[in-house]
Amino acid sequence: MTDVRLAVRAFPDCPVPLTEGSRLRLAGAVLTVTVLSGCLGVFANDGSSVSVGSPSKGALLHGVAMPFEGCGYEVHPDWRARNHRYATGAVVSWLTEVFREVDRALPGSMAYLGDLSGRNGGDASMHRSHASGRDIDIFYFASDGNGSPMHDLPGMLHFASDGHAIRWSAGKIGRIIKAQVPDAHFDAQRNWALVRAMLENPVAEVQWIFIHRDLAGLLLAEAEREGTALETIDRARALLHQPTDSQPHDDHMHVRVFCDPRERAWGCSDKGPRRWLKKHWKYMRTSDLVLASRSNG
């Protein structure tokens, strides 16, 4: 392993956070130093952004800012000050299209974004990942007792196994939200619409959706209720995952996308199931997908 600085230190127009968490695989760094001309070689010609390294030990070159507001979404006010709203251009394009699709399918939907990555990636406060522009935190859609979507909440909501909101999750360290927890519910219909839109949009390919296992069960039940294609349900079942080394994700979903193929030569690396799984979705049983993901972890 070698520091990202070794790959880009000769290019002053490419600022990279100098942290222990910003590292490349040695092979990727060597290739970058050998082939780069100008700031980012062929990528610099069109200003393209590049995800470098892994989600936990990486960087983001030419990061693109997710606008604070757009069709069907906004970055929550408490998360804006953190300014972790950067990703690769492909991820930003993909996200805006996904949110637009959910709003089109279910008018009145408003997704709230938490953190993506910092402008240059690298270590992100309050996170063990989000280092390379391929991680996204999205609040769960919540609905009231009549099934209407709830907007302008002061923070994330933690949901119990049955989907009922139980407490707040604040966006600022030390902040206590004094507002009473509303009679809110995990909006399975809108949350499934979001997951489905992400899986079906080809601009980026989802690797994981970290989510509490019981909430994942509510999503899959909604998918079956709607008569969603078995192929899509099986894919979702394989990608919805409660992490074992972090919080249970009962207040937001953490979405991770694969490296774009062209980024791999520049040191972008995935941990977990490989891209080749995509073309085998309809031929593989869910149990096979799970075994494949474990073998590549």
C-alpha atoms as a PDB file:
ATOM      1  CA  MET A   1       0.000   0.000   0.000  1.00  0.00           C
ATOM      2  CA  THR A   2       1.176   3.520  -0.716  1.00  0.00           C
ATOM      3  CA  ASP A   3      -0.180   6.967   0.038  1.00  0.00           C
ATOM      4  CA  VAL A   4      -2.277   8.739  -2.588  1.00  0.00           C
ATOM      5  CA  ARG A   5       0.260  11.549  -2.413  1.00  0.00           C
ATOM      6  CA  LEU A   6       2.814   9.335  -4.180  1.00  0.00           C
ATOM      7  CA  ALA A   7       0.516   9.151  -7.185  1.00  0.00           C
ATOM      8  CA  VAL A   8      -0.526  12.794  -7.445  1.00  0.00           C
ATOM      9  CA  ARG A   9       1.993  14.929  -5.549  1.00  0.00           C
ATOM     10  CA  ALA A  10       3.561  16.097  -8.813  1.00  0.00           C
ATOM     11  CA  PHE A  11       0.273  17.638  -9.911  1.00  0.00           C
ATOM     12  CA  PRO A  12      -0.487  20.750  -7.804  1.00  0.00           C
ATOM     13  CA  ASP A  13      -3.855  21.273  -9.521  1.00  0.00           C
ATOM     14  CA  CYS A  14      -5.139  18.041  -7.988  1.00  0.00           C
ATOM     15  CA  PRO A  15      -5.445  18.677  -4.231  1.00  0.00           C
ATOM     16  CA  VAL A  16      -5.738  15.468  -2.214  1.00  0.00           C
ATOM     17  CA  PRO A  17      -6.288  15.308   1.563  1.00  0.00           C
ATOM     18  CA  LEU A  18      -3.062  14.185   3.212  1.00  0.00           C
ATOM     19  CA  THR A  19      -4.479  11.686   5.669  1.00  0.00           C
ATOM     20  CA  GLU A  20      -3.591   8.198   6.698  1.00  0.00           C
ATOM     21  CA  GLY A  21      -6.931   7.064   5.323  1.00  0.00           C
ATOM     22  CA  SER A  22      -6.117   8.317   1.796  1.00  0.00           C
ATOM     23  CA  ARG A  23      -4.172   5.421   0.278  1.00  0.00           C
ATOM     24  CA  LEU A  24      -3.925   3.570  -3.016  1.00  0.00           C
ATOM     25  CA  ARG A  25      -3.065   0.036  -3.845  1.00  0.00           C
ATOM     26  CA  LEU A  26       0.573   0.005  -4.920  1.00  0.00           C
ATOM     27  CA  ALA A  27      -0.182  -1.224  -8.417  1.00  0.00           C
ATOM     28  CA  GLY A  28      -2.762   1.482  -8.992  1.00  0.00           C
ATOM     29  CA  ALA A  29      -0.426   4.184  -7.751  1.00  0.00           C
ATOM     30  CA  VAL A  30       2.452   3.019  -9.921  1.00  0.00           C
ATOM     31  CA  LEU A  31       0.220   2.917 -12.976  1.00  0.00           C
ATOM     32  CA  THR A  32      -1.108   6.374 -12.185  1.00  0.00           C
ATOM     33  CA  VAL A  33       2.369   7.888 -11.858  1.00  0.00           C
ATOM     34  CA  THR A  34       3.575   6.114 -14.987  1.00  0.00           C
ATOM     35  CA  VAL A  35       0.675   6.999 -17.270  1.00  0.00           C
ATOM     36  CA  LEU A  36      -0.586  10.359 -16.027  1.00  0.00           C
ATOM     37  CA  SER A  37       0.153  13.392 -18.152  1.00  0.00           C
ATOM     38  CA  GLY A  38      -1.092  16.735 -16.901  1.00  0.00           C
ATOM     39  CA  CYS A  39      -3.392  16.571 -13.906  1.00  0.00           C
ATOM     40  CA  LEU A  40      -5.408  13.475 -14.701  1.00  0.00           C
ATOM     41  CA  GLY A  41      -4.289  12.460 -18.148  1.00  0.00           C
ATOM     42  CA  VAL A  42      -7.231  11.531 -20.345  1.00  0.00           C
ATOM     43  CA  PHE A  43      -9.696  12.383 -17.573  1.00  0.00           C
ATOM     44  CA  ALA A  44      -8.454  15.974 -17.355  1.00  0.00           C
ATOM     45  CA  ASN A  45      -9.435  16.570 -20.955  1.00  0.00           C
ATOM     46  CA  ASP A  46     -13.130  16.592 -20.112  1.00  0.00           C
ATOM     47  CA  GLY A  47     -12.923  17.407 -16.412  1.00  0.00           C
ATOM     48  CA  SER A  48     -14.111  13.960 -15.416  1.00  0.00           C
ATOM     49  CA  SER A  49     -13.992  12.996 -11.762  1.00  0.00           C
ATOM     50  CA  VAL A  50     -12.237   9.851 -10.592  1.00  0.00           C
ATOM     51  CA  SER A  51     -12.786   7.635  -7.554  1.00  0.00           C
ATOM     52  CA  VAL A  52      -9.418   6.465  -6.233  1.00  0.00           C
ATOM     53  CA  GLY A  53      -8.733   3.662  -3.772  1.00  0.00           C
ATOM     54  CA  SER A  54     -11.353   1.969  -1.623  1.00  0.00           C
ATOM     55  CA  PRO A  55     -14.406   3.412   0.171  1.00  0.00           C
ATOM     56  CA  SER A  56     -12.455   3.525   3.430  1.00  0.00           C
ATOM     57  CA  LYS A  57      -8.951   4.335   2.154  1.00  0.00           C
ATOM     58  CA  GLY A  58      -9.322   6.473  -0.904  1.00  0.00           C
ATOM     59  CA  ALA A  59      -9.653   9.893  -2.455  1.00  0.00           C
ATOM     60  CA  LEU A  60     -11.813  11.749  -4.956  1.00  0.00           C
ATOM     61  CA  LEU A  61     -10.251  13.667  -7.829  1.00  0.00           C
ATOM     62  CA  HIS A  62     -12.264  16.367  -9.591  1.00  0.00           C
ATOM     63  CA  GLY A  63     -15.199  15.682  -7.257  1.00  0.00           C
ATOM     64  CA  VAL A  64     -18.603  16.970  -8.328  1.00  0.00           C
ATOM     65  CA  ALA A  65     -20.883  18.688  -5.799  1.00  0.00           C
ATOM     66  CA  MET A  66     -24.387  17.349  -5.389  1.00  0.00           C
ATOM     67  CA  PRO A  67     -26.642  20.443  -5.531  1.00  0.00           C
ATOM     68  CA  PHE A  68     -28.273  21.182  -2.189  1.00  0.00           C
ATOM     69  CA  GLU A  69     -31.708  20.827  -3.759  1.00  0.00           C
ATOM     70  CA  GLY A  70     -33.203  19.183  -6.810  1.00  0.00           C
ATOM     71  CA  CYS A  71     -36.273  17.386  -8.096  1.00  0.00           C
ATOM     72  CA  GLY A  72     -37.436  15.051  -5.347  1.00  0.00           C
ATOM     73  CA  TYR A  73     -34.560  15.579  -2.917  1.00  0.00           C
ATOM     74  CA  GLU A  74     -32.569  17.997  -0.788  1.00  0.00           C
ATOM     75  CA  VAL A  75     -29.502  17.811   1.428  1.00  0.00           C
ATOM     76  CA  HIS A  76     -30.819  18.126   4.966  1.00  0.00           C
ATOM     77  CA  PRO A  77     -29.916  21.516   6.530  1.00  0.00           C
ATOM     78  CA  ASP A  78     -27.987  19.963   9.407  1.00  0.00           C
ATOM     79  CA  TRP A  79     -25.808  18.028   6.967  1.00  0.00           C
ATOM     80  CA  ARG A  80     -25.104  20.951   4.626  1.00  0.00           C
ATOM     81  CA  ALA A  81     -22.588  22.571   6.969  1.00  0.00           C
ATOM     82  CA  ARG A  82     -20.487  19.398   6.895  1.00  0.00           C
ATOM     83  CA  ASN A  83     -20.069  19.905   3.131  1.00  0.00           C
ATOM     84  CA  HIS A  84     -19.746  16.184   2.460  1.00  0.00           C
ATOM     85  CA  ARG A  85     -21.803  16.384  -0.715  1.00  0.00           C
ATOM     86  CA  TYR A  86     -19.238  15.381  -3.327  1.00  0.00           C
ATOM     87  CA  ALA A  87     -19.075  12.294  -5.513  1.00  0.00           C
ATOM     88  CA  THR A  88     -18.006  11.290  -8.976  1.00  0.00           C
ATOM     89  CA  GLY A  89     -19.889  12.933 -11.816  1.00  0.00           C
ATOM     90  CA  ALA A  90     -21.511   9.609 -12.693  1.00  0.00           C
ATOM     91  CA  VAL A  91     -22.818   9.141  -9.149  1.00  0.00           C
ATOM     92  CA  VAL A  92     -24.235  12.680  -8.995  1.00  0.00           C
ATOM     93  CA  SER A  93     -25.967  12.199 -12.356  1.00  0.00           C
ATOM     94  CA  TRP A  94     -27.298   8.818 -11.263  1.00  0.00           C
ATOM     95  CA  LEU A  95     -28.638  10.118  -7.938  1.00  0.00           C
ATOM     96  CA  THR A  96     -30.452  13.074  -9.451  1.00  0.00           C
ATOM     97  CA  GLU A  97     -32.095  10.798 -12.010  1.00  0.00           C
ATOM     98  CA  VAL A  98     -33.102   8.300  -9.327  1.00  0.00           C
ATOM     99  CA  PHE A  99     -34.726  10.936  -7.116  1.00  0.00           C
ATOM    100  CA  ARG A 100     -36.540  12.387 -10.118  1.00  0.00           C
ATOM    101  CA  GLU A 101     -37.896   8.938 -10.982  1.00  0.00           C
ATOM    102  CA  VAL A 102     -39.217   8.379  -7.446  1.00  0.00           C
ATOM    103  CA  ASP A 103     -40.890  11.789  -7.431  1.00  0.00           C
ATOM    104  CA  ARG A 104     -42.438  11.044 -10.821  1.00  0.00           C
ATOM    105  CA  ALA A 105     -43.749   7.655  -9.682  1.00  0.00           C
ATOM    106  CA  LEU A 106     -44.957   8.893  -6.279  1.00  0.00           C
ATOM    107  CA  PRO A 107     -45.618  12.664  -6.368  1.00  0.00           C
ATOM    108  CA  GLY A 108     -44.851  14.497  -3.160  1.00  0.00           C
ATOM    109  CA  SER A 109     -41.812  12.369  -2.355  1.00  0.00           C
ATOM    110  CA  MET A 110     -38.867  14.239  -0.874  1.00  0.00           C
ATOM    111  CA  ALA A 111     -35.684  12.308  -0.169  1.00  0.00           C
ATOM    112  CA  TYR A 112     -33.266  13.829   2.332  1.00  0.00           C
ATOM    113  CA  LEU A 113     -29.553  13.334   1.830  1.00  0.00           C
ATOM    114  CA  GLY A 114     -26.935  13.088   4.534  1.00  0.00           C
ATOM    115  CA  ASP A 115     -23.240  12.633   3.716  1.00  0.00           C
ATOM    116  CA  LEU A 116     -21.549  11.638   0.485  1.00  0.00           C
ATOM    117  CA  SER A 117     -17.805  12.458   0.447  1.00  0.00           C
ATOM    118  CA  GLY A 118     -15.668  15.532   1.031  1.00  0.00           C
ATOM    119  CA  ARG A 119     -14.553  17.638  -1.915  1.00  0.00           C
ATOM    120  CA  ASN A 120     -11.353  15.614  -2.272  1.00  0.00           C
ATOM    121  CA  GLY A 121     -12.496  12.463  -0.510  1.00  0.00           C
ATOM    122  CA  GLY A 122     -10.226  11.056   2.182  1.00  0.00           C
ATOM    123  CA  ASP A 123     -11.089  10.607   5.843  1.00  0.00           C
ATOM    124  CA  ALA A 124     -14.621  11.716   6.702  1.00  0.00           C
ATOM    125  CA  SER A 125     -15.593  12.648  10.241  1.00  0.00           C
ATOM    126  CA  MET A 126     -18.174  10.322  11.805  1.00  0.00           C
ATOM    127  CA  HIS A 127     -17.558   7.710   9.085  1.00  0.00           C
ATOM    128  CA  ARG A 128     -15.302   4.735   8.478  1.00  0.00           C
ATOM    129  CA  SER A 129     -15.918   4.968   4.744  1.00  0.00           C
ATOM    130  CA  HIS A 130     -17.203   7.752   2.404  1.00  0.00           C
ATOM    131  CA  ALA A 131     -13.594   8.318   1.299  1.00  0.00           C
ATOM    132  CA  SER A 132     -13.791   7.920  -2.468  1.00  0.00           C
ATOM    133  CA  GLY A 133     -17.038   9.425  -3.760  1.00  0.00           C
ATOM    134  CA  ARG A 134     -19.044   6.199  -3.953  1.00  0.00           C
ATOM    135  CA  ASP A 135     -20.942   6.184  -0.628  1.00  0.00           C
ATOM    136  CA  ILE A 136     -24.271   7.933  -0.050  1.00  0.00           C
ATOM    137  CA  ASP A 137     -26.385   8.295   3.102  1.00  0.00           C
ATOM    138  CA  ILE A 138     -30.110   8.717   2.444  1.00  0.00           C
ATOM    139  CA  PHE A 139     -32.765   9.240   5.127  1.00  0.00           C
ATOM    140  CA  TYR A 140     -35.596   6.740   5.109  1.00  0.00           C
ATOM    141  CA  PHE A 141     -38.866   8.096   3.787  1.00  0.00           C
ATOM    142  CA  ALA A 142     -41.346   8.507   6.637  1.00  0.00           C
ATOM    143  CA  SER A 143     -45.132   8.739   6.485  1.00  0.00           C
ATOM    144  CA  ASP A 144     -47.787   9.796   8.962  1.00  0.00           C
ATOM    145  CA  GLY A 145     -50.739   7.791  10.200  1.00  0.00           C
ATOM    146  CA  ASN A 146     -52.638   8.509   6.977  1.00  0.00           C
ATOM    147  CA  GLY A 147     -49.791   7.363   4.770  1.00  0.00           C
ATOM    148  CA  SER A 148     -48.862  10.885   3.669  1.00  0.00           C
ATOM    149  CA  PRO A 149     -45.128  11.640   3.288  1.00  0.00           C
ATOM    150  CA  MET A 150     -43.521  13.658   6.082  1.00  0.00           C
ATOM    151  CA  HIS A 151     -41.196  16.551   5.246  1.00  0.00           C
ATOM    152  CA  ASP A 152     -38.996  19.071   7.061  1.00  0.00           C
ATOM    153  CA  LEU A 153     -38.128  16.832   9.996  1.00  0.00           C
ATOM    154  CA  PRO A 154     -35.297  18.069  12.262  1.00  0.00           C
ATOM    155  CA  GLY A 155     -33.216  14.923  11.798  1.00  0.00           C
ATOM    156  CA  MET A 156     -33.234  11.267  10.890  1.00  0.00           C
ATOM    157  CA  LEU A 157     -35.666   8.923  12.604  1.00  0.00           C
ATOM    158  CA  HIS A 158     -34.721   5.591  14.112  1.00  0.00           C
ATOM    159  CA  PHE A 159     -37.301   2.943  13.252  1.00  0.00           C
ATOM    160  CA  ALA A 160     -38.218  -0.152  15.254  1.00  0.00           C
ATOM    161  CA  SER A 161     -38.492  -3.577  13.654  1.00  0.00           C
ATOM    162  CA  ASP A 162     -42.168  -3.006  12.891  1.00  0.00           C
ATOM    163  CA  GLY A 163     -41.393   0.263  11.099  1.00  0.00           C
ATOM    164  CA  HIS A 164     -42.604   2.614  13.837  1.00  0.00           C
ATOM    165  CA  ALA A 165     -40.421   5.669  14.604  1.00  0.00           C
ATOM    166  CA  ILE A 166     -38.905   5.477  18.085  1.00  0.00           C
ATOM    167  CA  ARG A 167     -36.347   8.311  18.444  1.00  0.00           C
ATOM    168  CA  TRP A 168     -34.393  11.038  16.675  1.00  0.00           C
ATOM    169  CA  SER A 169     -30.944  10.856  15.135  1.00  0.00           C
ATOM    170  CA  ALA A 170     -29.315  14.307  14.973  1.00  0.00           C
ATOM    171  CA  GLY A 171     -26.947  15.536  12.287  1.00  0.00           C
ATOM    172  CA  LYS A 172     -24.677  17.493  14.616  1.00  0.00           C
ATOM    173  CA  ILE A 173     -22.480  16.000  17.312  1.00  0.00           C
ATOM    174  CA  GLY A 174     -23.909  16.764  20.741  1.00  0.00           C
ATOM    175  CA  ARG A 175     -27.178  18.130  19.430  1.00  0.00           C
ATOM    176  CA  ILE A 176     -30.314  17.023  21.240  1.00  0.00           C
ATOM    177  CA  ILE A 177     -33.525  17.273  19.251  1.00  0.00           C
ATOM    178  CA  LYS A 178     -36.160  18.411  21.719  1.00  0.00           C
ATOM    179  CA  ALA A 179     -39.136  18.008  19.403  1.00  0.00           C
ATOM    180  CA  GLN A 180     -41.432  15.124  20.238  1.00  0.00           C
ATOM    181  CA  VAL A 181     -40.935  12.060  18.090  1.00  0.00           C
ATOM    182  CA  PRO A 182     -43.878  12.088  15.672  1.00  0.00           C
ATOM    183  CA  ASP A 183     -46.281   9.248  15.029  1.00  0.00           C
ATOM    184  CA  ALA A 184     -44.280   8.326  11.949  1.00  0.00           C
ATOM    185  CA  HIS A 185     -43.805   5.085  10.067  1.00  0.00           C
ATOM    186  CA  PHE A 186     -41.220   3.632   7.726  1.00  0.00           C
ATOM    187  CA  ASP A 187     -42.715   4.398   4.300  1.00  0.00           C
ATOM    188  CA  ALA A 188     -42.160   1.026   2.645  1.00  0.00           C
ATOM    189  CA  GLN A 189     -43.735   2.105  -0.628  1.00  0.00           C
ATOM    190  CA  ARG A 190     -41.455   5.101  -1.165  1.00  0.00           C
ATOM    191  CA  ASN A 191     -38.369   3.417   0.248  1.00  0.00           C
ATOM    192  CA  TRP A 192     -38.885   0.476  -2.092  1.00  0.00           C
ATOM    193  CA  ALA A 193     -39.465   2.856  -5.024  1.00  0.00           C
ATOM    194  CA  LEU A 194     -36.086   4.418  -4.224  1.00  0.00           C
ATOM    195  CA  VAL A 195     -34.282   1.071  -4.011  1.00  0.00           C
ATOM    196  CA  ARG A 196     -35.922  -0.159  -7.190  1.00  0.00           C
ATOM    197  CA  ALA A 197     -35.000   3.021  -9.082  1.00  0.00           C
ATOM    198  CA  MET A 198     -31.377   2.679  -7.972  1.00  0.00           C
ATOM    199  CA  LEU A 199     -31.182  -0.944  -9.082  1.00  0.00           C
ATOM    200  CA  GLU A 200     -32.827  -0.307 -12.441  1.00  0.00           C
ATOM    201  CA  ASN A 201     -30.937   2.850 -13.426  1.00  0.00           C
ATOM    202  CA  PRO A 202     -27.880   1.786 -15.479  1.00  0.00           C
ATOM    203  CA  VAL A 203     -25.762   4.923 -14.934  1.00  0.00           C
ATOM    204  CA  ALA A 204     -24.203   3.387 -11.797  1.00  0.00           C
ATOM    205  CA  GLU A 205     -24.264  -0.114 -10.374  1.00  0.00           C
ATOM    206  CA  VAL A 206     -25.132  -0.640  -6.725  1.00  0.00           C
ATOM    207  CA  GLN A 207     -22.807  -2.863  -4.733  1.00  0.00           C
ATOM    208  CA  TRP A 208     -24.441  -2.665  -1.295  1.00  0.00           C
ATOM    209  CA  ILE A 209     -27.384  -1.033   0.428  1.00  0.00           C
ATOM    210  CA  PHE A 210     -26.667  -1.115   4.155  1.00  0.00           C
ATOM    211  CA  ILE A 211     -29.941  -1.285   6.070  1.00  0.00           C
ATOM    212  CA  HIS A 212     -31.368  -2.859   9.213  1.00  0.00           C
ATOM    213  CA  ARG A 213     -32.430  -6.422   8.400  1.00  0.00           C
ATOM    214  CA  ASP A 214     -36.013  -5.934   9.642  1.00  0.00           C
ATOM    215  CA  LEU A 215     -36.482  -2.819   7.539  1.00  0.00           C
ATOM    216  CA  ALA A 216     -35.057  -4.713   4.580  1.00  0.00           C
ATOM    217  CA  GLY A 217     -37.762  -7.306   5.224  1.00  0.00           C
ATOM    218  CA  LEU A 218     -40.422  -4.597   5.038  1.00  0.00           C
ATOM    219  CA  LEU A 219     -39.006  -3.453   1.693  1.00  0.00           C
ATOM    220  CA  LEU A 220     -38.992  -6.938   0.225  1.00  0.00           C
ATOM    221  CA  ALA A 221     -42.533  -7.546   1.441  1.00  0.00           C
ATOM    222  CA  GLU A 222     -43.592  -4.328  -0.306  1.00  0.00           C
ATOM    223  CA  ALA A 223     -41.827  -5.423  -3.480  1.00  0.00           C
ATOM    224  CA  GLU A 224     -43.729  -8.709  -3.446  1.00  0.00           C
ATOM    225  CA  ARG A 225     -47.003  -6.940  -2.710  1.00  0.00           C
ATOM    226  CA  GLU A 226     -46.496  -4.746  -5.771  1.00  0.00           C
ATOM    227  CA  GLY A 227     -45.760  -7.725  -7.977  1.00  0.00           C
ATOM    228  CA  THR A 228     -42.187  -6.666  -8.723  1.00  0.00           C
ATOM    229  CA  ALA A 229     -40.249  -8.937 -11.073  1.00  0.00           C
ATOM    230  CA  LEU A 230     -38.572 -11.822  -9.230  1.00  0.00           C
ATOM    231  CA  GLU A 231     -35.207 -10.915 -10.763  1.00  0.00           C
ATOM    232  CA  THR A 232     -35.339  -7.442  -9.176  1.00  0.00           C
ATOM    233  CA  ILE A 233     -36.458  -8.812  -5.813  1.00  0.00           C
ATOM    234  CA  ASP A 234     -33.674 -11.410  -5.797  1.00  0.00           C
ATOM    235  CA  ARG A 235     -31.108  -8.758  -6.615  1.00  0.00           C
ATOM    236  CA  ALA A 236     -32.404  -6.499  -3.853  1.00  0.00           C
ATOM    237  CA  ARG A 237     -32.377  -9.370  -1.373  1.00  0.00           C
ATOM    238  CA  ALA A 238     -28.706  -9.981  -2.135  1.00  0.00           C
ATOM    239  CA  LEU A 239     -27.692  -6.315  -1.843  1.00  0.00           C
ATOM    240  CA  LEU A 240     -29.737  -5.238   1.209  1.00  0.00           C
ATOM    241  CA  HIS A 241     -27.361  -5.955   4.051  1.00  0.00           C
ATOM    242  CA  GLN A 242     -27.118  -5.090   7.739  1.00  0.00           C
ATOM    243  CA  PRO A 243     -23.428  -4.445   8.450  1.00  0.00           C
ATOM    244  CA  THR A 244     -21.770  -6.334  11.279  1.00  0.00           C
ATOM    245  CA  ASP A 245     -19.024  -3.798  12.013  1.00  0.00           C
ATOM    246  CA  SER A 246     -21.016  -0.553  12.350  1.00  0.00           C
ATOM    247  CA  GLN A 247     -24.387   0.837  13.414  1.00  0.00           C
ATOM    248  CA  PRO A 248     -27.460  -1.213  12.423  1.00  0.00           C
ATOM    249  CA  HIS A 249     -28.651   1.475   9.983  1.00  0.00           C
ATOM    250  CA  ASP A 250     -32.168   1.761  11.328  1.00  0.00           C
ATOM    251  CA  ASP A 251     -32.184   5.540  10.682  1.00  0.00           C
ATOM    252  CA  HIS A 252     -30.836   5.737   7.111  1.00  0.00           C
ATOM    253  CA  MET A 253     -29.701   3.602   4.215  1.00  0.00           C
ATOM    254  CA  HIS A 254     -26.057   3.704   3.211  1.00  0.00           C
ATOM    255  CA  VAL A 255     -25.684   3.075  -0.512  1.00  0.00           C
ATOM    256  CA  ARG A 256     -22.375   2.069  -2.103  1.00  0.00           C
ATOM    257  CA  VAL A 257     -21.750   1.821  -5.824  1.00  0.00           C
ATOM    258  CA  PHE A 258     -19.070  -0.049  -7.731  1.00  0.00           C
ATOM    259  CA  CYS A 259     -16.077   1.615  -9.334  1.00  0.00           C
ATOM    260  CA  ASP A 260     -16.690   2.660 -12.890  1.00  0.00           C
ATOM    261  CA  PRO A 261     -14.677   0.259 -15.121  1.00  0.00           C
ATOM    262  CA  ARG A 262     -12.431   3.053 -16.428  1.00  0.00           C
ATOM    263  CA  GLU A 263     -11.476   4.037 -12.867  1.00  0.00           C
ATOM    264  CA  ARG A 264      -9.936   0.675 -12.032  1.00  0.00           C
ATOM    265  CA  ALA A 265      -6.731   1.476 -13.917  1.00  0.00           C
ATOM    266  CA  TRP A 266      -6.402   4.551 -11.707  1.00  0.00           C
ATOM    267  CA  GLY A 267      -6.534   2.619  -8.457  1.00  0.00           C
ATOM    268  CA  CYS A 268     -10.268   2.445  -7.744  1.00  0.00           C
ATOM    269  CA  SER A 269     -10.984  -0.756  -5.838  1.00  0.00           C
ATOM    270  CA  ASP A 270     -14.095  -2.548  -4.644  1.00  0.00           C
ATOM    271  CA  LYS A 271     -14.356  -4.707  -1.560  1.00  0.00           C
ATOM    272  CA  GLY A 272     -17.005  -7.362  -1.899  1.00  0.00           C
ATOM    273  CA  PRO A 273     -18.875  -8.854  -4.866  1.00  0.00           C
ATOM    274  CA  ARG A 274     -17.376  -8.093  -8.252  1.00  0.00           C
ATOM    275  CA  ARG A 275     -19.001  -6.379 -11.218  1.00  0.00           C
ATOM    276  CA  TRP A 276     -19.281  -9.616 -13.203  1.00  0.00           C
ATOM    277  CA  LEU A 277     -22.197 -10.625 -11.000  1.00  0.00           C
ATOM    278  CA  LYS A 278     -24.436  -8.170 -12.863  1.00  0.00           C
ATOM    279  CA  LYS A 279     -24.760 -10.203 -16.049  1.00  0.00           C
ATOM    280  CA  HIS A 280     -25.555 -13.325 -14.025  1.00  0.00           C
ATOM    281  CA  TRP A 281     -28.417 -11.923 -11.909  1.00  0.00           C
ATOM    282  CA  LYS A 282     -31.194 -13.705 -13.748  1.00  0.00           C
ATOM    283  CA  TYR A 283     -29.275 -16.977 -13.824  1.00  0.00           C
ATOM    284  CA  MET A 284     -28.280 -17.148 -10.176  1.00  0.00           C
ATOM    285  CA  ARG A 285     -30.245 -18.074  -7.090  1.00  0.00           C
ATOM    286  CA  THR A 286     -30.150 -15.659  -4.142  1.00  0.00           C
ATOM    287  CA  SER A 287     -28.107 -18.178  -2.134  1.00  0.00           C
ATOM    288  CA  ASP A 288     -25.503 -18.226  -4.913  1.00  0.00           C
ATOM    289  CA  LEU A 289     -25.289 -14.427  -4.874  1.00  0.00           C
ATOM    290  CA  VAL A 290     -24.742 -14.353  -1.130  1.00  0.00           C
ATOM    291  CA  LEU A 291     -22.001 -16.996  -1.347  1.00  0.00           C
ATOM    292  CA  ALA A 292     -20.338 -15.092  -4.163  1.00  0.00           C
ATOM    293  CA  SER A 293     -20.339 -11.879  -2.155  1.00  0.00           C
ATOM    294  CA  ARG A 294     -18.730 -13.606   0.799  1.00  0.00           C
ATOM    295  CA  SER A 295     -16.043 -15.203  -1.308  1.00  0.00           C
ATOM    296  CA  ASN A 296     -15.066 -11.804  -2.736  1.00  0.00           C
ATOM    297  CA  GLY A 297     -15.136  -9.926   0.581  1.00  0.00           C
END
